Protein backbone atom coordinates (compact mmCIF):
# COMPACT_ATOMS: atom_id res chain seq x y z
CA UNK A 1 0.00 0.00 0.00
CA UNK A 2 1.39 3.42 -0.96
CA UNK A 3 0.72 5.88 1.88
CA UNK A 4 1.33 9.61 1.71
CA UNK A 5 1.06 11.94 4.65
CA UNK A 6 -0.09 15.49 4.04
CA UNK A 7 0.13 17.89 6.92
CA UNK A 8 -1.17 21.44 6.60
CA UNK A 9 0.81 23.48 9.06
CA UNK A 10 0.40 26.99 7.80
CA UNK A 11 -1.69 27.52 4.72
CA UNK A 12 -3.83 30.24 3.27
CA UNK A 13 -7.11 28.91 1.95
CA UNK A 14 -9.70 31.32 0.63
CA UNK A 15 -13.14 31.21 2.19
CA UNK A 16 -16.06 30.12 0.03
CA UNK A 17 -13.79 27.58 -1.71
CA UNK A 18 -13.69 23.80 -1.44
CA UNK A 19 -10.81 21.73 -0.09
CA UNK A 20 -10.60 18.47 -2.07
CA UNK A 21 -8.51 15.45 -1.11
CA UNK A 22 -8.47 12.44 -3.42
CA UNK A 23 -7.40 8.86 -2.79
CA UNK A 24 -7.67 6.95 0.47
CA UNK A 25 -8.02 9.54 3.26
CA UNK A 26 -7.38 8.24 6.78
CA UNK A 27 -6.42 9.70 10.15
CA UNK A 28 -2.71 10.00 10.92
CA UNK A 29 -1.30 8.30 14.01
CA UNK A 30 0.81 10.89 15.83
CA UNK A 31 1.21 8.96 19.06
CA UNK A 32 4.53 8.51 20.81
CA UNK A 33 6.58 5.42 19.84
CA UNK A 34 5.50 3.64 23.05
CA UNK A 35 1.82 4.08 22.05
CA UNK A 36 2.09 3.30 18.32
CA UNK A 37 0.45 -0.10 18.93
CA UNK A 38 -2.84 1.78 19.49
CA UNK A 39 -2.81 2.74 15.81
CA UNK A 40 -3.75 -0.72 14.64
CA UNK A 41 -5.20 0.35 11.30
CA UNK A 42 -8.77 -0.52 12.28
CA UNK A 43 -9.94 3.04 11.73
CA UNK A 44 -11.93 3.37 8.55
CA UNK A 45 -11.03 5.75 5.77
CA UNK A 46 -12.70 7.56 2.94
CA UNK A 47 -12.09 7.33 -0.79
CA UNK A 48 -11.99 11.12 -0.95
CA UNK A 49 -13.01 14.25 0.88
CA UNK A 50 -14.64 17.49 -0.15
CA UNK A 51 -14.93 20.12 2.56
CA UNK A 52 -16.29 23.63 2.08
CA UNK A 53 -14.17 26.38 3.61
CA UNK A 54 -16.44 28.88 5.34
CA UNK A 55 -16.00 31.93 7.51
CA UNK A 56 -16.56 31.43 11.25
CA UNK A 57 -19.96 32.53 12.56
CA UNK A 58 -18.27 34.44 15.38
CA UNK A 59 -14.66 35.22 14.40
CA UNK A 60 -12.16 35.54 17.22
CA UNK A 61 -9.88 38.55 16.87
CA UNK A 62 -6.13 38.05 17.00
CA UNK A 63 -4.47 38.47 20.38
CA UNK A 64 -0.98 39.95 20.31
CA UNK A 65 1.37 39.18 23.20
CA UNK A 66 4.90 40.52 22.90
CA UNK A 67 7.58 39.75 25.48
CA UNK A 68 10.85 41.68 25.49
CA UNK A 69 13.58 42.00 28.10
CA UNK A 70 13.47 45.01 30.40
CA UNK A 71 17.04 45.91 29.48
CA UNK A 72 19.49 44.82 26.76
CA UNK A 73 23.26 45.16 26.90
CA UNK A 74 25.12 47.15 24.26
CA UNK A 75 26.38 44.06 22.38
CA UNK A 76 23.54 41.66 23.28
CA UNK A 77 20.88 40.40 20.91
CA UNK A 78 17.37 41.72 21.36
CA UNK A 79 14.98 38.78 21.69
CA UNK A 80 11.34 39.53 20.87
CA UNK A 81 8.98 36.68 21.75
CA UNK A 82 5.51 36.61 20.17
CA UNK A 83 4.84 32.98 21.17
CA UNK A 84 1.90 33.94 23.40
CA UNK A 85 -0.01 35.51 20.50
CA UNK A 86 -3.09 33.78 19.10
CA UNK A 87 -5.05 33.96 15.87
CA UNK A 88 -2.07 34.79 13.61
CA UNK A 89 -1.31 37.84 15.76
CA UNK A 90 2.31 36.72 16.14
CA UNK A 91 3.21 36.60 12.47
PDB file of N, CA and C in Angstrom:
ATOM      1  N   UNK A   1       0.844  -1.166   0.000  1.00  0.00           N
ATOM      2  CA  UNK A   1       0.000   0.000   0.000  1.00  0.00           C
ATOM      3  C   UNK A   1       0.892   1.233   0.000  1.00  0.00           C
ATOM      4  N   UNK A   2       0.607   2.195  -0.859  1.00  0.00           N
ATOM      5  CA  UNK A   2       1.386   3.419  -0.958  1.00  0.00           C
ATOM      6  C   UNK A   2       0.706   4.500  -0.131  1.00  0.00           C
ATOM      7  N   UNK A   3       1.297   4.870   1.021  1.00  0.00           N
ATOM      8  CA  UNK A   3       0.716   5.881   1.884  1.00  0.00           C
ATOM      9  C   UNK A   3       1.474   7.189   1.737  1.00  0.00           C
ATOM     10  N   UNK A   4       0.741   8.269   1.711  1.00  0.00           N
ATOM     11  CA  UNK A   4       1.334   9.606   1.706  1.00  0.00           C
ATOM     12  C   UNK A   4       0.729  10.375   2.857  1.00  0.00           C
ATOM     13  N   UNK A   5       1.548  11.113   3.547  1.00  0.00           N
ATOM     14  CA  UNK A   5       1.061  11.937   4.650  1.00  0.00           C
ATOM     15  C   UNK A   5       1.105  13.384   4.203  1.00  0.00           C
ATOM     16  N   UNK A   6       0.002  14.064   4.364  1.00  0.00           N
ATOM     17  CA  UNK A   6      -0.085  15.485   4.045  1.00  0.00           C
ATOM     18  C   UNK A   6      -0.435  16.192   5.339  1.00  0.00           C
ATOM     19  N   UNK A   7       0.372  17.146   5.696  1.00  0.00           N
ATOM     20  CA  UNK A   7       0.134  17.893   6.924  1.00  0.00           C
ATOM     21  C   UNK A   7       0.087  19.367   6.563  1.00  0.00           C
ATOM     22  N   UNK A   8      -1.045  20.007   6.829  1.00  0.00           N
ATOM     23  CA  UNK A   8      -1.170  21.438   6.601  1.00  0.00           C
ATOM     24  C   UNK A   8      -0.780  22.134   7.891  1.00  0.00           C
ATOM     25  N   UNK A   9       0.327  22.800   7.860  1.00  0.00           N
ATOM     26  CA  UNK A   9       0.807  23.476   9.055  1.00  0.00           C
ATOM     27  C   UNK A   9       0.417  24.940   9.014  1.00  0.00           C
ATOM     28  N   UNK A  10       0.741  25.586   7.954  1.00  0.00           N
ATOM     29  CA  UNK A  10       0.396  26.993   7.796  1.00  0.00           C
ATOM     30  C   UNK A  10       0.017  27.185   6.337  1.00  0.00           C
ATOM     31  N   UNK A  11      -1.237  27.374   6.094  1.00  0.00           N
ATOM     32  CA  UNK A  11      -1.695  27.518   4.723  1.00  0.00           C
ATOM     33  C   UNK A  11      -2.723  28.633   4.649  1.00  0.00           C
ATOM     34  N   UNK A  12      -2.805  29.233   3.511  1.00  0.00           N
ATOM     35  CA  UNK A  12      -3.830  30.236   3.275  1.00  0.00           C
ATOM     36  C   UNK A  12      -4.834  29.628   2.306  1.00  0.00           C
ATOM     37  N   UNK A  13      -6.046  29.467   2.770  1.00  0.00           N
ATOM     38  CA  UNK A  13      -7.112  28.913   1.947  1.00  0.00           C
ATOM     39  C   UNK A  13      -8.229  29.938   1.928  1.00  0.00           C
ATOM     40  N   UNK A  14      -8.641  30.330   0.751  1.00  0.00           N
ATOM     41  CA  UNK A  14      -9.699  31.325   0.634  1.00  0.00           C
ATOM     42  C   UNK A  14     -11.027  30.764   1.133  1.00  0.00           C
ATOM     43  N   UNK A  15     -11.809  31.627   1.790  1.00  0.00           N
ATOM     44  CA  UNK A  15     -13.142  31.209   2.192  1.00  0.00           C
ATOM     45  C   UNK A  15     -14.023  31.088   0.959  1.00  0.00           C
ATOM     46  N   UNK A  16     -15.112  30.386   1.115  1.00  0.00           N
ATOM     47  CA  UNK A  16     -16.061  30.118   0.031  1.00  0.00           C
ATOM     48  C   UNK A  16     -15.420  29.288  -1.080  1.00  0.00           C
ATOM     49  N   UNK A  17     -14.375  28.524  -0.754  1.00  0.00           N
ATOM     50  CA  UNK A  17     -13.789  27.585  -1.708  1.00  0.00           C
ATOM     51  C   UNK A  17     -13.994  26.175  -1.152  1.00  0.00           C
ATOM     52  N   UNK A  18     -13.516  25.180  -1.864  1.00  0.00           N
ATOM     53  CA  UNK A  18     -13.688  23.797  -1.440  1.00  0.00           C
ATOM     54  C   UNK A  18     -12.329  23.132  -1.382  1.00  0.00           C
ATOM     55  N   UNK A  19     -12.037  22.504  -0.259  1.00  0.00           N
ATOM     56  CA  UNK A  19     -10.815  21.733  -0.088  1.00  0.00           C
ATOM     57  C   UNK A  19     -11.113  20.316  -0.544  1.00  0.00           C
ATOM     58  N   UNK A  20     -10.344  19.794  -1.509  1.00  0.00           N
ATOM     59  CA  UNK A  20     -10.600  18.474  -2.072  1.00  0.00           C
ATOM     60  C   UNK A  20      -9.371  17.598  -1.880  1.00  0.00           C
ATOM     61  N   UNK A  21      -9.553  16.450  -1.250  1.00  0.00           N
ATOM     62  CA  UNK A  21      -8.506  15.447  -1.107  1.00  0.00           C
ATOM     63  C   UNK A  21      -8.975  14.202  -1.843  1.00  0.00           C
ATOM     64  N   UNK A  22      -8.111  13.628  -2.664  1.00  0.00           N
ATOM     65  CA  UNK A  22      -8.472  12.438  -3.424  1.00  0.00           C
ATOM     66  C   UNK A  22      -7.624  11.259  -2.968  1.00  0.00           C
ATOM     67  N   UNK A  23      -8.099  10.073  -3.208  1.00  0.00           N
ATOM     68  CA  UNK A  23      -7.404   8.864  -2.786  1.00  0.00           C
ATOM     69  C   UNK A  23      -7.954   8.378  -1.464  1.00  0.00           C
ATOM     70  N   UNK A  24      -7.238   7.496  -0.810  1.00  0.00           N
ATOM     71  CA  UNK A  24      -7.667   6.948   0.471  1.00  0.00           C
ATOM     72  C   UNK A  24      -7.276   7.924   1.580  1.00  0.00           C
ATOM     73  N   UNK A  25      -8.255   8.545   2.220  1.00  0.00           N
ATOM     74  CA  UNK A  25      -8.018   9.536   3.261  1.00  0.00           C
ATOM     75  C   UNK A  25      -8.272   8.874   4.607  1.00  0.00           C
ATOM     76  N   UNK A  26      -7.244   8.826   5.444  1.00  0.00           N
ATOM     77  CA  UNK A  26      -7.375   8.240   6.785  1.00  0.00           C
ATOM     78  C   UNK A  26      -6.740   9.178   7.802  1.00  0.00           C
ATOM     79  N   UNK A  27      -7.014   8.919   9.064  1.00  0.00           N
ATOM     80  CA  UNK A  27      -6.417   9.703  10.146  1.00  0.00           C
ATOM     81  C   UNK A  27      -4.955   9.304  10.313  1.00  0.00           C
ATOM     82  N   UNK A  28      -4.127  10.274  10.655  1.00  0.00           N
ATOM     83  CA  UNK A  28      -2.708   9.998  10.924  1.00  0.00           C
ATOM     84  C   UNK A  28      -2.559   9.577  12.377  1.00  0.00           C
ATOM     85  N   UNK A  29      -1.596   8.729  12.644  1.00  0.00           N
ATOM     86  CA  UNK A  29      -1.302   8.304  14.007  1.00  0.00           C
ATOM     87  C   UNK A  29      -0.073   9.073  14.479  1.00  0.00           C
ATOM     88  N   UNK A  30      -0.287  10.062  15.333  1.00  0.00           N
ATOM     89  CA  UNK A  30       0.805  10.891  15.832  1.00  0.00           C
ATOM     90  C   UNK A  30       1.125  10.584  17.292  1.00  0.00           C
ATOM     91  N   UNK A  31       0.913   9.349  17.688  1.00  0.00           N
ATOM     92  CA  UNK A  31       1.207   8.963  19.064  1.00  0.00           C
ATOM     93  C   UNK A  31       2.694   8.731  19.254  1.00  0.00           C
ATOM     94  N   UNK A  32       3.120   8.758  20.502  1.00  0.00           N
ATOM     95  CA  UNK A  32       4.527   8.507  20.808  1.00  0.00           C
ATOM     96  C   UNK A  32       4.880   7.070  20.431  1.00  0.00           C
ATOM     97  N   UNK A  33       6.177   6.776  20.234  1.00  0.00           N
ATOM     98  CA  UNK A  33       6.577   5.416  19.844  1.00  0.00           C
ATOM     99  C   UNK A  33       6.066   4.340  20.805  1.00  0.00           C
ATOM    100  N   UNK A  34       5.972   4.648  22.090  1.00  0.00           N
ATOM    101  CA  UNK A  34       5.497   3.643  23.045  1.00  0.00           C
ATOM    102  C   UNK A  34       3.997   3.381  22.909  1.00  0.00           C
ATOM    103  N   UNK A  35       3.269   4.254  22.204  1.00  0.00           N
ATOM    104  CA  UNK A  35       1.824   4.083  22.050  1.00  0.00           C
ATOM    105  C   UNK A  35       1.421   3.764  20.613  1.00  0.00           C
ATOM    106  N   UNK A  36       2.399   3.558  19.721  1.00  0.00           N
ATOM    107  CA  UNK A  36       2.094   3.299  18.317  1.00  0.00           C
ATOM    108  C   UNK A  36       1.213   2.062  18.133  1.00  0.00           C
ATOM    109  N   UNK A  37       1.268   1.117  19.055  1.00  0.00           N
ATOM    110  CA  UNK A  37       0.452  -0.095  18.926  1.00  0.00           C
ATOM    111  C   UNK A  37      -1.045   0.219  18.947  1.00  0.00           C
ATOM    112  N   UNK A  38      -1.431   1.392  19.467  1.00  0.00           N
ATOM    113  CA  UNK A  38      -2.837   1.779  19.486  1.00  0.00           C
ATOM    114  C   UNK A  38      -3.348   2.145  18.103  1.00  0.00           C
ATOM    115  N   UNK A  39      -2.434   2.432  17.189  1.00  0.00           N
ATOM    116  CA  UNK A  39      -2.807   2.739  15.808  1.00  0.00           C
ATOM    117  C   UNK A  39      -2.778   1.434  15.021  1.00  0.00           C
ATOM    118  N   UNK A  40      -3.760   0.626  15.216  1.00  0.00           N
ATOM    119  CA  UNK A  40      -3.751  -0.718  14.636  1.00  0.00           C
ATOM    120  C   UNK A  40      -4.318  -0.782  13.232  1.00  0.00           C
ATOM    121  N   UNK A  41      -4.687   0.351  12.668  1.00  0.00           N
ATOM    122  CA  UNK A  41      -5.205   0.349  11.304  1.00  0.00           C
ATOM    123  C   UNK A  41      -6.673  -0.011  11.206  1.00  0.00           C
ATOM    124  N   UNK A  42      -7.360  -0.141  12.331  1.00  0.00           N
ATOM    125  CA  UNK A  42      -8.770  -0.517  12.279  1.00  0.00           C
ATOM    126  C   UNK A  42      -9.678   0.684  12.012  1.00  0.00           C
ATOM    127  N   UNK A  43      -9.119   1.876  12.040  1.00  0.00           N
ATOM    128  CA  UNK A  43      -9.940   3.041  11.734  1.00  0.00           C
ATOM    129  C   UNK A  43     -10.279   3.023  10.255  1.00  0.00           C
ATOM    130  N   UNK A  44     -11.505   3.331   9.938  1.00  0.00           N
ATOM    131  CA  UNK A  44     -11.931   3.373   8.547  1.00  0.00           C
ATOM    132  C   UNK A  44     -11.369   4.597   7.844  1.00  0.00           C
ATOM    133  N   UNK A  45     -11.503   4.616   6.567  1.00  0.00           N
ATOM    134  CA  UNK A  45     -11.032   5.750   5.774  1.00  0.00           C
ATOM    135  C   UNK A  45     -12.108   6.160   4.795  1.00  0.00           C
ATOM    136  N   UNK A  46     -11.778   7.085   3.955  1.00  0.00           N
ATOM    137  CA  UNK A  46     -12.703   7.565   2.938  1.00  0.00           C
ATOM    138  C   UNK A  46     -11.971   7.559   1.602  1.00  0.00           C
ATOM    139  N   UNK A  47     -12.709   7.352   0.534  1.00  0.00           N
ATOM    140  CA  UNK A  47     -12.088   7.332  -0.786  1.00  0.00           C
ATOM    141  C   UNK A  47     -11.802   8.744  -1.295  1.00  0.00           C
ATOM    142  N   UNK A  48     -12.254   9.729  -0.592  1.00  0.00           N
ATOM    143  CA  UNK A  48     -11.993  11.115  -0.954  1.00  0.00           C
ATOM    144  C   UNK A  48     -12.699  12.022   0.024  1.00  0.00           C
ATOM    145  N   UNK A  49     -12.407  13.296  -0.048  1.00  0.00           N
ATOM    146  CA  UNK A  49     -13.006  14.246   0.878  1.00  0.00           C
ATOM    147  C   UNK A  49     -13.192  15.573   0.170  1.00  0.00           C
ATOM    148  N   UNK A  50     -14.372  16.134   0.310  1.00  0.00           N
ATOM    149  CA  UNK A  50     -14.640  17.489  -0.151  1.00  0.00           C
ATOM    150  C   UNK A  50     -15.184  18.261   1.040  1.00  0.00           C
ATOM    151  N   UNK A  51     -14.522  19.339   1.401  1.00  0.00           N
ATOM    152  CA  UNK A  51     -14.933  20.124   2.561  1.00  0.00           C
ATOM    153  C   UNK A  51     -15.026  21.591   2.175  1.00  0.00           C
ATOM    154  N   UNK A  52     -16.192  22.197   2.368  1.00  0.00           N
ATOM    155  CA  UNK A  52     -16.294  23.632   2.084  1.00  0.00           C
ATOM    156  C   UNK A  52     -15.524  24.429   3.135  1.00  0.00           C
ATOM    157  N   UNK A  53     -14.895  25.498   2.705  1.00  0.00           N
ATOM    158  CA  UNK A  53     -14.170  26.384   3.613  1.00  0.00           C
ATOM    159  C   UNK A  53     -15.051  27.607   3.814  1.00  0.00           C
ATOM    160  N   UNK A  54     -15.512  27.783   5.054  1.00  0.00           N
ATOM    161  CA  UNK A  54     -16.444  28.875   5.342  1.00  0.00           C
ATOM    162  C   UNK A  54     -15.866  29.783   6.418  1.00  0.00           C
ATOM    163  N   UNK A  55     -16.392  30.995   6.467  1.00  0.00           N
ATOM    164  CA  UNK A  55     -16.005  31.931   7.511  1.00  0.00           C
ATOM    165  C   UNK A  55     -16.617  31.485   8.837  1.00  0.00           C
ATOM    166  N   UNK A  56     -15.956  31.772   9.959  1.00  0.00           N
ATOM    167  CA  UNK A  56     -16.560  31.427  11.247  1.00  0.00           C
ATOM    168  C   UNK A  56     -17.784  32.305  11.511  1.00  0.00           C
ATOM    169  N   UNK A  57     -18.754  31.760  12.226  1.00  0.00           N
ATOM    170  CA  UNK A  57     -19.956  32.527  12.561  1.00  0.00           C
ATOM    171  C   UNK A  57     -19.584  33.693  13.472  1.00  0.00           C
ATOM    172  N   UNK A  58     -18.757  33.401  14.469  1.00  0.00           N
ATOM    173  CA  UNK A  58     -18.273  34.436  15.382  1.00  0.00           C
ATOM    174  C   UNK A  58     -16.746  34.401  15.330  1.00  0.00           C
ATOM    175  N   UNK A  59     -16.128  35.255  14.502  1.00  0.00           N
ATOM    176  CA  UNK A  59     -14.663  35.216  14.405  1.00  0.00           C
ATOM    177  C   UNK A  59     -14.009  35.708  15.693  1.00  0.00           C
ATOM    178  N   UNK A  60     -12.905  35.089  16.046  1.00  0.00           N
ATOM    179  CA  UNK A  60     -12.162  35.543  17.221  1.00  0.00           C
ATOM    180  C   UNK A  60     -11.020  36.440  16.749  1.00  0.00           C
ATOM    181  N   UNK A  61     -10.936  37.631  17.304  1.00  0.00           N
ATOM    182  CA  UNK A  61      -9.884  38.548  16.871  1.00  0.00           C
ATOM    183  C   UNK A  61      -8.515  38.056  17.312  1.00  0.00           C
ATOM    184  N   UNK A  62      -7.478  38.449  16.588  1.00  0.00           N
ATOM    185  CA  UNK A  62      -6.134  38.048  16.998  1.00  0.00           C
ATOM    186  C   UNK A  62      -5.770  38.686  18.338  1.00  0.00           C
ATOM    187  N   UNK A  63      -4.961  37.981  19.102  1.00  0.00           N
ATOM    188  CA  UNK A  63      -4.467  38.469  20.377  1.00  0.00           C
ATOM    189  C   UNK A  63      -2.951  38.557  20.263  1.00  0.00           C
ATOM    190  N   UNK A  64      -2.414  39.743  20.462  1.00  0.00           N
ATOM    191  CA  UNK A  64      -0.975  39.949  20.309  1.00  0.00           C
ATOM    192  C   UNK A  64      -0.334  40.067  21.678  1.00  0.00           C
ATOM    193  N   UNK A  65       0.640  39.213  21.933  1.00  0.00           N
ATOM    194  CA  UNK A  65       1.367  39.183  23.203  1.00  0.00           C
ATOM    195  C   UNK A  65       2.853  39.229  22.870  1.00  0.00           C
ATOM    196  N   UNK A  66       3.488  40.337  23.203  1.00  0.00           N
ATOM    197  CA  UNK A  66       4.904  40.518  22.898  1.00  0.00           C
ATOM    198  C   UNK A  66       5.679  40.585  24.205  1.00  0.00           C
ATOM    199  N   UNK A  67       6.708  39.742  24.312  1.00  0.00           N
ATOM    200  CA  UNK A  67       7.583  39.750  25.485  1.00  0.00           C
ATOM    201  C   UNK A  67       8.973  40.193  25.060  1.00  0.00           C
ATOM    202  N   UNK A  68       9.499  41.184  25.753  1.00  0.00           N
ATOM    203  CA  UNK A  68      10.855  41.679  25.493  1.00  0.00           C
ATOM    204  C   UNK A  68      11.555  41.867  26.835  1.00  0.00           C
ATOM    205  N   UNK A  69      12.867  41.783  26.849  1.00  0.00           N
ATOM    206  CA  UNK A  69      13.577  41.999  28.103  1.00  0.00           C
ATOM    207  C   UNK A  69      13.456  43.456  28.560  1.00  0.00           C
ATOM    208  N   UNK A  70      13.558  43.659  29.852  1.00  0.00           N
ATOM    209  CA  UNK A  70      13.470  45.010  30.402  1.00  0.00           C
ATOM    210  C   UNK A  70      14.676  45.855  30.000  1.00  0.00           C
ATOM    211  N   UNK A  71      15.817  45.205  29.882  1.00  0.00           N
ATOM    212  CA  UNK A  71      17.038  45.908  29.476  1.00  0.00           C
ATOM    213  C   UNK A  71      17.866  44.981  28.596  1.00  0.00           C
ATOM    214  N   UNK A  72      18.628  45.580  27.664  1.00  0.00           N
ATOM    215  CA  UNK A  72      19.495  44.821  26.762  1.00  0.00           C
ATOM    216  C   UNK A  72      20.873  45.474  26.787  1.00  0.00           C
ATOM    217  N   UNK A  73      21.897  44.650  26.910  1.00  0.00           N
ATOM    218  CA  UNK A  73      23.260  45.164  26.903  1.00  0.00           C
ATOM    219  C   UNK A  73      23.639  45.709  25.537  1.00  0.00           C
ATOM    220  N   UNK A  74      24.701  46.479  25.498  1.00  0.00           N
ATOM    221  CA  UNK A  74      25.124  47.150  24.261  1.00  0.00           C
ATOM    222  C   UNK A  74      25.435  46.178  23.127  1.00  0.00           C
ATOM    223  N   UNK A  75      26.012  45.022  23.433  1.00  0.00           N
ATOM    224  CA  UNK A  75      26.376  44.056  22.381  1.00  0.00           C
ATOM    225  C   UNK A  75      25.490  42.811  22.400  1.00  0.00           C
ATOM    226  N   UNK A  76      24.416  42.830  23.167  1.00  0.00           N
ATOM    227  CA  UNK A  76      23.536  41.664  23.284  1.00  0.00           C
ATOM    228  C   UNK A  76      22.481  41.685  22.190  1.00  0.00           C
ATOM    229  N   UNK A  77      21.975  40.503  21.866  1.00  0.00           N
ATOM    230  CA  UNK A  77      20.879  40.396  20.908  1.00  0.00           C
ATOM    231  C   UNK A  77      19.567  40.753  21.586  1.00  0.00           C
ATOM    232  N   UNK A  78      18.710  41.430  20.870  1.00  0.00           N
ATOM    233  CA  UNK A  78      17.372  41.719  21.359  1.00  0.00           C
ATOM    234  C   UNK A  78      16.472  40.552  20.967  1.00  0.00           C
ATOM    235  N   UNK A  79      15.871  39.905  21.946  1.00  0.00           N
ATOM    236  CA  UNK A  79      14.982  38.777  21.690  1.00  0.00           C
ATOM    237  C   UNK A  79      13.548  39.249  21.888  1.00  0.00           C
ATOM    238  N   UNK A  80      12.750  39.157  20.827  1.00  0.00           N
ATOM    239  CA  UNK A  80      11.338  39.525  20.868  1.00  0.00           C
ATOM    240  C   UNK A  80      10.544  38.237  20.726  1.00  0.00           C
ATOM    241  N   UNK A  81       9.735  37.923  21.732  1.00  0.00           N
ATOM    242  CA  UNK A  81       8.975  36.675  21.753  1.00  0.00           C
ATOM    243  C   UNK A  81       7.496  36.972  21.542  1.00  0.00           C
ATOM    244  N   UNK A  82       6.940  36.456  20.440  1.00  0.00           N
ATOM    245  CA  UNK A  82       5.509  36.612  20.168  1.00  0.00           C
ATOM    246  C   UNK A  82       4.777  35.280  20.325  1.00  0.00           C
ATOM    247  N   UNK A  83       5.397  34.331  21.026  1.00  0.00           N
ATOM    248  CA  UNK A  83       4.840  32.985  21.166  1.00  0.00           C
ATOM    249  C   UNK A  83       3.513  32.932  21.900  1.00  0.00           C
ATOM    250  N   UNK A  84       3.180  33.937  22.689  1.00  0.00           N
ATOM    251  CA  UNK A  84       1.903  33.936  23.403  1.00  0.00           C
ATOM    252  C   UNK A  84       0.765  34.494  22.584  1.00  0.00           C
ATOM    253  N   UNK A  85       1.028  34.956  21.359  1.00  0.00           N
ATOM    254  CA  UNK A  85      -0.011  35.510  20.502  1.00  0.00           C
ATOM    255  C   UNK A  85      -0.898  34.405  19.947  1.00  0.00           C
ATOM    256  N   UNK A  86      -2.122  34.744  19.644  1.00  0.00           N
ATOM    257  CA  UNK A  86      -3.087  33.778  19.096  1.00  0.00           C
ATOM    258  C   UNK A  86      -3.786  34.372  17.885  1.00  0.00           C
ATOM    259  N   UNK A  87      -4.271  33.521  17.032  1.00  0.00           N
ATOM    260  CA  UNK A  87      -5.045  33.960  15.871  1.00  0.00           C
ATOM    261  C   UNK A  87      -4.212  34.672  14.829  1.00  0.00           C
ATOM    262  N   UNK A  88      -3.005  34.213  14.583  1.00  0.00           N
ATOM    263  CA  UNK A  88      -2.074  34.785  13.613  1.00  0.00           C
ATOM    264  C   UNK A  88      -1.596  36.171  14.031  1.00  0.00           C
ATOM    265  N   UNK A  89      -1.781  36.541  15.283  1.00  0.00           N
ATOM    266  CA  UNK A  89      -1.308  37.838  15.757  1.00  0.00           C
ATOM    267  C   UNK A  89       0.197  37.885  15.915  1.00  0.00           C
ATOM    268  N   UNK A  90       0.871  36.746  15.941  1.00  0.00           N
ATOM    269  CA  UNK A  90       2.312  36.719  16.139  1.00  0.00           C
ATOM    270  C   UNK A  90       3.101  36.619  14.865  1.00  0.00           C
ATOM    271  N   UNK A  91       2.458  36.712  13.724  1.00  0.00           N
ATOM    272  CA  UNK A  91       3.206  36.595  12.467  1.00  0.00           C
ATOM    273  C   UNK A  91       4.111  37.762  12.260  1.00  0.00           C
TER     274      UNK A  91
END
